PDB file of N, CA and C in Angstrom:
ATOM      1  N   UNK A   1      -0.859  -9.922 -29.473  1.00  0.00           N
ATOM      2  CA  UNK A   1       0.446 -10.191 -28.885  1.00  0.00           C
ATOM      3  C   UNK A   1       1.054  -8.875 -28.403  1.00  0.00           C
ATOM      4  N   UNK A   2       1.629  -8.912 -27.211  1.00  0.00           N
ATOM      5  CA  UNK A   2       2.202  -7.713 -26.601  1.00  0.00           C
ATOM      6  C   UNK A   2       3.564  -7.417 -27.212  1.00  0.00           C
ATOM      7  N   UNK A   3       3.789  -6.170 -27.554  1.00  0.00           N
ATOM      8  CA  UNK A   3       5.051  -5.743 -28.140  1.00  0.00           C
ATOM      9  C   UNK A   3       6.048  -5.450 -27.017  1.00  0.00           C
ATOM     10  N   UNK A   4       7.224  -6.065 -27.083  1.00  0.00           N
ATOM     11  CA  UNK A   4       8.237  -5.880 -26.049  1.00  0.00           C
ATOM     12  C   UNK A   4       9.082  -4.657 -26.360  1.00  0.00           C
ATOM     13  N   UNK A   5       9.281  -3.816 -25.346  1.00  0.00           N
ATOM     14  CA  UNK A   5      10.096  -2.625 -25.524  1.00  0.00           C
ATOM     15  C   UNK A   5      11.553  -2.970 -25.271  1.00  0.00           C
ATOM     16  N   UNK A   6      12.419  -2.404 -26.051  1.00  0.00           N
ATOM     17  CA  UNK A   6      13.850  -2.583 -25.874  1.00  0.00           C
ATOM     18  C   UNK A   6      14.421  -1.336 -25.215  1.00  0.00           C
ATOM     19  N   UNK A   7      15.312  -1.544 -24.262  1.00  0.00           N
ATOM     20  CA  UNK A   7      15.966  -0.433 -23.582  1.00  0.00           C
ATOM     21  C   UNK A   7      17.439  -0.465 -23.981  1.00  0.00           C
ATOM     22  N   UNK A   8      17.915   0.644 -24.489  1.00  0.00           N
ATOM     23  CA  UNK A   8      19.313   0.738 -24.905  1.00  0.00           C
ATOM     24  C   UNK A   8      20.219   0.680 -23.681  1.00  0.00           C
ATOM     25  N   UNK A   9      21.300  -0.084 -23.769  1.00  0.00           N
ATOM     26  CA  UNK A   9      22.275  -0.153 -22.689  1.00  0.00           C
ATOM     27  C   UNK A   9      23.298   0.953 -22.892  1.00  0.00           C
ATOM     28  N   UNK A  10      23.423   1.809 -21.898  1.00  0.00           N
ATOM     29  CA  UNK A  10      24.328   2.949 -21.986  1.00  0.00           C
ATOM     30  C   UNK A  10      25.327   2.869 -20.835  1.00  0.00           C
ATOM     31  N   UNK A  11      26.603   3.032 -21.163  1.00  0.00           N
ATOM     32  CA  UNK A  11      27.654   3.035 -20.150  1.00  0.00           C
ATOM     33  C   UNK A  11      28.415   4.348 -20.265  1.00  0.00           C
ATOM     34  N   UNK A  12      28.579   5.018 -19.119  1.00  0.00           N
ATOM     35  CA  UNK A  12      29.340   6.261 -19.094  1.00  0.00           C
ATOM     36  C   UNK A  12      30.382   6.165 -18.005  1.00  0.00           C
ATOM     37  N   UNK A  13      31.609   6.556 -18.316  1.00  0.00           N
ATOM     38  CA  UNK A  13      32.665   6.595 -17.319  1.00  0.00           C
ATOM     39  C   UNK A  13      32.739   8.000 -16.740  1.00  0.00           C
ATOM     40  N   UNK A  14      32.892   8.061 -15.414  1.00  0.00           N
ATOM     41  CA  UNK A  14      33.054   9.366 -14.768  1.00  0.00           C
ATOM     42  C   UNK A  14      33.765   9.158 -13.442  1.00  0.00           C
ATOM     43  N   UNK A  15      34.289  10.239 -12.905  1.00  0.00           N
ATOM     44  CA  UNK A  15      34.944  10.184 -11.600  1.00  0.00           C
ATOM     45  C   UNK A  15      33.898   9.860 -10.541  1.00  0.00           C
ATOM     46  N   UNK A  16      34.327   9.190  -9.479  1.00  0.00           N
ATOM     47  CA  UNK A  16      33.373   8.742  -8.465  1.00  0.00           C
ATOM     48  C   UNK A  16      32.617   9.906  -7.819  1.00  0.00           C
ATOM     49  N   UNK A  17      33.268  11.056  -7.699  1.00  0.00           N
ATOM     50  CA  UNK A  17      32.585  12.201  -7.090  1.00  0.00           C
ATOM     51  C   UNK A  17      31.713  12.961  -8.087  1.00  0.00           C
ATOM     52  N   UNK A  18      31.695  12.527  -9.336  1.00  0.00           N
ATOM     53  CA  UNK A  18      30.881  13.196 -10.354  1.00  0.00           C
ATOM     54  C   UNK A  18      29.787  12.285 -10.907  1.00  0.00           C
ATOM     55  N   UNK A  19      29.463  11.229 -10.171  1.00  0.00           N
ATOM     56  CA  UNK A  19      28.431  10.302 -10.644  1.00  0.00           C
ATOM     57  C   UNK A  19      27.067  10.980 -10.615  1.00  0.00           C
ATOM     58  N   UNK A  20      26.260  10.736 -11.660  1.00  0.00           N
ATOM     59  CA  UNK A  20      24.912  11.322 -11.664  1.00  0.00           C
ATOM     60  C   UNK A  20      24.025  10.634 -10.623  1.00  0.00           C
ATOM     61  N   UNK A  21      23.050  11.336 -10.157  1.00  0.00           N
ATOM     62  CA  UNK A  21      22.118  10.796  -9.177  1.00  0.00           C
ATOM     63  C   UNK A  21      21.049   9.983  -9.910  1.00  0.00           C
ATOM     64  N   UNK A  22      20.750   8.794  -9.401  1.00  0.00           N
ATOM     65  CA  UNK A  22      19.753   7.928 -10.021  1.00  0.00           C
ATOM     66  C   UNK A  22      18.373   8.592 -10.065  1.00  0.00           C
ATOM     67  N   UNK A  23      17.950   9.146  -8.948  1.00  0.00           N
ATOM     68  CA  UNK A  23      16.611   9.729  -8.879  1.00  0.00           C
ATOM     69  C   UNK A  23      16.445  10.859  -9.884  1.00  0.00           C
ATOM     70  N   UNK A  24      17.442  11.723  -9.977  1.00  0.00           N
ATOM     71  CA  UNK A  24      17.325  12.851 -10.898  1.00  0.00           C
ATOM     72  C   UNK A  24      17.261  12.359 -12.343  1.00  0.00           C
ATOM     73  N   UNK A  25      17.972  11.262 -12.654  1.00  0.00           N
ATOM     74  CA  UNK A  25      17.891  10.701 -14.008  1.00  0.00           C
ATOM     75  C   UNK A  25      16.475  10.205 -14.299  1.00  0.00           C
ATOM     76  N   UNK A  26      15.932   9.410 -13.375  1.00  0.00           N
ATOM     77  CA  UNK A  26      14.613   8.826 -13.632  1.00  0.00           C
ATOM     78  C   UNK A  26      13.509   9.874 -13.625  1.00  0.00           C
ATOM     79  N   UNK A  27      13.717  10.973 -12.933  1.00  0.00           N
ATOM     80  CA  UNK A  27      12.705  12.036 -12.930  1.00  0.00           C
ATOM     81  C   UNK A  27      12.672  12.773 -14.275  1.00  0.00           C
ATOM     82  N   UNK A  28      13.729  12.629 -15.070  1.00  0.00           N
ATOM     83  CA  UNK A  28      13.726  13.243 -16.401  1.00  0.00           C
ATOM     84  C   UNK A  28      13.040  12.349 -17.432  1.00  0.00           C
ATOM     85  N   UNK A  29      12.765  11.101 -17.073  1.00  0.00           N
ATOM     86  CA  UNK A  29      12.095  10.154 -17.974  1.00  0.00           C
ATOM     87  C   UNK A  29      10.588  10.295 -17.847  1.00  0.00           C
ATOM     88  N   UNK A  30       9.882   9.956 -18.909  1.00  0.00           N
ATOM     89  CA  UNK A  30       8.415  10.002 -18.876  1.00  0.00           C
ATOM     90  C   UNK A  30       7.899   8.840 -18.037  1.00  0.00           C
ATOM     91  N   UNK A  31       6.671   8.938 -17.532  1.00  0.00           N
ATOM     92  CA  UNK A  31       6.106   7.803 -16.788  1.00  0.00           C
ATOM     93  C   UNK A  31       6.100   6.514 -17.615  1.00  0.00           C
ATOM     94  N   UNK A  32       5.858   6.630 -18.912  1.00  0.00           N
ATOM     95  CA  UNK A  32       5.846   5.448 -19.776  1.00  0.00           C
ATOM     96  C   UNK A  32       7.236   4.802 -19.843  1.00  0.00           C
ATOM     97  N   UNK A  33       8.290   5.636 -19.923  1.00  0.00           N
ATOM     98  CA  UNK A  33       9.650   5.107 -19.958  1.00  0.00           C
ATOM     99  C   UNK A  33      10.011   4.432 -18.631  1.00  0.00           C
ATOM    100  N   UNK A  34       9.593   5.035 -17.521  1.00  0.00           N
ATOM    101  CA  UNK A  34       9.885   4.453 -16.211  1.00  0.00           C
ATOM    102  C   UNK A  34       9.169   3.116 -16.042  1.00  0.00           C
ATOM    103  N   UNK A  35       7.898   3.059 -16.448  1.00  0.00           N
ATOM    104  CA  UNK A  35       7.161   1.800 -16.355  1.00  0.00           C
ATOM    105  C   UNK A  35       7.743   0.752 -17.300  1.00  0.00           C
ATOM    106  N   UNK A  36       8.188   1.180 -18.470  1.00  0.00           N
ATOM    107  CA  UNK A  36       8.817   0.261 -19.416  1.00  0.00           C
ATOM    108  C   UNK A  36      10.090  -0.345 -18.844  1.00  0.00           C
ATOM    109  N   UNK A  37      10.883   0.475 -18.166  1.00  0.00           N
ATOM    110  CA  UNK A  37      12.113  -0.017 -17.536  1.00  0.00           C
ATOM    111  C   UNK A  37      11.779  -0.987 -16.412  1.00  0.00           C
ATOM    112  N   UNK A  38      10.769  -0.663 -15.636  1.00  0.00           N
ATOM    113  CA  UNK A  38      10.346  -1.549 -14.549  1.00  0.00           C
ATOM    114  C   UNK A  38       9.868  -2.888 -15.099  1.00  0.00           C
ATOM    115  N   UNK A  39       9.099  -2.866 -16.154  1.00  0.00           N
ATOM    116  CA  UNK A  39       8.607  -4.099 -16.779  1.00  0.00           C
ATOM    117  C   UNK A  39       9.767  -4.917 -17.342  1.00  0.00           C
ATOM    118  N   UNK A  40      10.765  -4.270 -17.934  1.00  0.00           N
ATOM    119  CA  UNK A  40      11.927  -4.983 -18.460  1.00  0.00           C
ATOM    120  C   UNK A  40      12.698  -5.664 -17.330  1.00  0.00           C
ATOM    121  N   UNK A  41      12.862  -4.983 -16.199  1.00  0.00           N
ATOM    122  CA  UNK A  41      13.553  -5.570 -15.047  1.00  0.00           C
ATOM    123  C   UNK A  41      12.758  -6.751 -14.510  1.00  0.00           C
ATOM    124  N   UNK A  42      11.443  -6.591 -14.423  1.00  0.00           N
ATOM    125  CA  UNK A  42      10.579  -7.673 -13.936  1.00  0.00           C
ATOM    126  C   UNK A  42      10.672  -8.895 -14.847  1.00  0.00           C
ATOM    127  N   UNK A  43      10.613  -8.676 -16.156  1.00  0.00           N
ATOM    128  CA  UNK A  43      10.714  -9.784 -17.110  1.00  0.00           C
ATOM    129  C   UNK A  43      12.069 -10.470 -17.013  1.00  0.00           C
ATOM    130  N   UNK A  44      13.133  -9.680 -16.867  1.00  0.00           N
ATOM    131  CA  UNK A  44      14.471 -10.243 -16.737  1.00  0.00           C
ATOM    132  C   UNK A  44      14.571 -11.117 -15.493  1.00  0.00           C
ATOM    133  N   UNK A  45      14.012 -10.646 -14.393  1.00  0.00           N
ATOM    134  CA  UNK A  45      14.029 -11.420 -13.149  1.00  0.00           C
ATOM    135  C   UNK A  45      13.299 -12.743 -13.331  1.00  0.00           C
ATOM    136  N   UNK A  46      12.112 -12.695 -13.912  1.00  0.00           N
ATOM    137  CA  UNK A  46      11.330 -13.916 -14.083  1.00  0.00           C
ATOM    138  C   UNK A  46      12.002 -14.882 -15.058  1.00  0.00           C
ATOM    139  N   UNK A  47      12.657 -14.375 -16.087  1.00  0.00           N
ATOM    140  CA  UNK A  47      13.353 -15.241 -17.032  1.00  0.00           C
ATOM    141  C   UNK A  47      14.555 -15.920 -16.382  1.00  0.00           C
ATOM    142  N   UNK A  48      15.272 -15.204 -15.518  1.00  0.00           N
ATOM    143  CA  UNK A  48      16.441 -15.776 -14.843  1.00  0.00           C
ATOM    144  C   UNK A  48      16.036 -16.834 -13.831  1.00  0.00           C
ATOM    145  N   UNK A  49      14.896 -16.653 -13.188  1.00  0.00           N
ATOM    146  CA  UNK A  49      14.464 -17.577 -12.144  1.00  0.00           C
ATOM    147  C   UNK A  49      13.462 -18.604 -12.660  1.00  0.00           C
ATOM    148  N   UNK A  50      13.268 -18.643 -13.975  1.00  0.00           N
ATOM    149  CA  UNK A  50      12.403 -19.617 -14.628  1.00  0.00           C
ATOM    150  C   UNK A  50      11.026 -19.724 -13.979  1.00  0.00           C
ATOM    151  N   UNK A  51      10.488 -18.612 -13.599  1.00  0.00           N
ATOM    152  CA  UNK A  51       9.144 -18.618 -13.050  1.00  0.00           C
ATOM    153  C   UNK A  51       8.307 -17.616 -13.822  1.00  0.00           C
ATOM    154  N   UNK A  52       7.059 -17.854 -13.852  1.00  0.00           N
ATOM    155  CA  UNK A  52       6.139 -16.947 -14.517  1.00  0.00           C
ATOM    156  C   UNK A  52       5.276 -16.276 -13.471  1.00  0.00           C
ATOM    157  N   UNK A  53       4.956 -15.011 -13.675  1.00  0.00           N
ATOM    158  CA  UNK A  53       4.052 -14.363 -12.721  1.00  0.00           C
ATOM    159  C   UNK A  53       2.698 -15.054 -12.764  1.00  0.00           C
ATOM    160  N   UNK A  54       2.137 -15.273 -11.623  1.00  0.00           N
ATOM    161  CA  UNK A  54       0.869 -15.993 -11.548  1.00  0.00           C
ATOM    162  C   UNK A  54      -0.189 -15.120 -10.911  1.00  0.00           C
ATOM    163  N   UNK A  55      -1.413 -15.417 -11.272  1.00  0.00           N
ATOM    164  CA  UNK A  55      -2.533 -14.727 -10.646  1.00  0.00           C
ATOM    165  C   UNK A  55      -2.797 -15.344  -9.284  1.00  0.00           C
ATOM    166  N   UNK A  56      -3.193 -14.519  -8.359  1.00  0.00           N
ATOM    167  CA  UNK A  56      -3.538 -15.041  -7.051  1.00  0.00           C
ATOM    168  C   UNK A  56      -4.890 -15.719  -7.133  1.00  0.00           C
ATOM    169  N   UNK A  57      -5.079 -16.715  -6.302  1.00  0.00           N
ATOM    170  CA  UNK A  57      -6.380 -17.361  -6.242  1.00  0.00           C
ATOM    171  C   UNK A  57      -7.345 -16.441  -5.521  1.00  0.00           C
ATOM    172  N   UNK A  58      -8.579 -16.530  -5.917  1.00  0.00           N
ATOM    173  CA  UNK A  58      -9.605 -15.714  -5.283  1.00  0.00           C
ATOM    174  C   UNK A  58     -10.556 -16.656  -4.556  1.00  0.00           C
ATOM    175  N   UNK A  59     -10.751 -16.407  -3.297  1.00  0.00           N
ATOM    176  CA  UNK A  59     -11.671 -17.200  -2.494  1.00  0.00           C
ATOM    177  C   UNK A  59     -12.842 -16.331  -2.091  1.00  0.00           C
ATOM    178  N   UNK A  60     -13.975 -16.968  -1.944  1.00  0.00           N
ATOM    179  CA  UNK A  60     -15.150 -16.236  -1.491  1.00  0.00           C
ATOM    180  C   UNK A  60     -15.235 -16.393   0.015  1.00  0.00           C
ATOM    181  N   UNK A  61     -15.341 -15.287   0.698  1.00  0.00           N
ATOM    182  CA  UNK A  61     -15.440 -15.308   2.168  1.00  0.00           C
ATOM    183  C   UNK A  61     -16.903 -15.154   2.532  1.00  0.00           C
ATOM    184  N   UNK A  62     -17.371 -16.107   3.310  1.00  0.00           N
ATOM    185  CA  UNK A  62     -18.772 -16.088   3.734  1.00  0.00           C
ATOM    186  C   UNK A  62     -18.794 -15.866   5.235  1.00  0.00           C
ATOM    187  N   UNK A  63     -19.455 -14.829   5.644  1.00  0.00           N
ATOM    188  CA  UNK A  63     -19.563 -14.563   7.078  1.00  0.00           C
ATOM    189  C   UNK A  63     -20.762 -15.309   7.623  1.00  0.00           C
ATOM    190  N   UNK A  64     -20.552 -16.022   8.710  1.00  0.00           N
ATOM    191  CA  UNK A  64     -21.638 -16.763   9.331  1.00  0.00           C
ATOM    192  C   UNK A  64     -22.372 -15.869  10.297  1.00  0.00           C
ATOM    193  N   UNK A  65     -23.658 -16.125  10.381  1.00  0.00           N
ATOM    194  CA  UNK A  65     -24.463 -15.358  11.337  1.00  0.00           C
ATOM    195  C   UNK A  65     -24.129 -15.840  12.737  1.00  0.00           C
ATOM    196  N   UNK A  66     -23.958 -14.901  13.653  1.00  0.00           N
ATOM    197  CA  UNK A  66     -23.668 -15.300  15.035  1.00  0.00           C
ATOM    198  C   UNK A  66     -24.988 -15.546  15.753  1.00  0.00           C
ATOM    199  N   UNK A  67     -24.965 -16.482  16.647  1.00  0.00           N
ATOM    200  CA  UNK A  67     -26.172 -16.654  17.430  1.00  0.00           C
ATOM    201  C   UNK A  67     -26.540 -18.003  17.657  1.00  0.00           C
TER     202      UNK A  67
END
């Protein structure tokens, strides 16, 4: 069974001209933390829309000989 990571919700108040940059924040996170956040957002989206991610069907393509 896959262990679900929890992300702490943090709220900070600041003046509009002193807001931190999103990119600079995420660049300070490890790749594992960034992927964990992405997975949490993906799971939240799928839970809200009551859909599950599905595998794509795989078809075999057969090329016919010309002639």
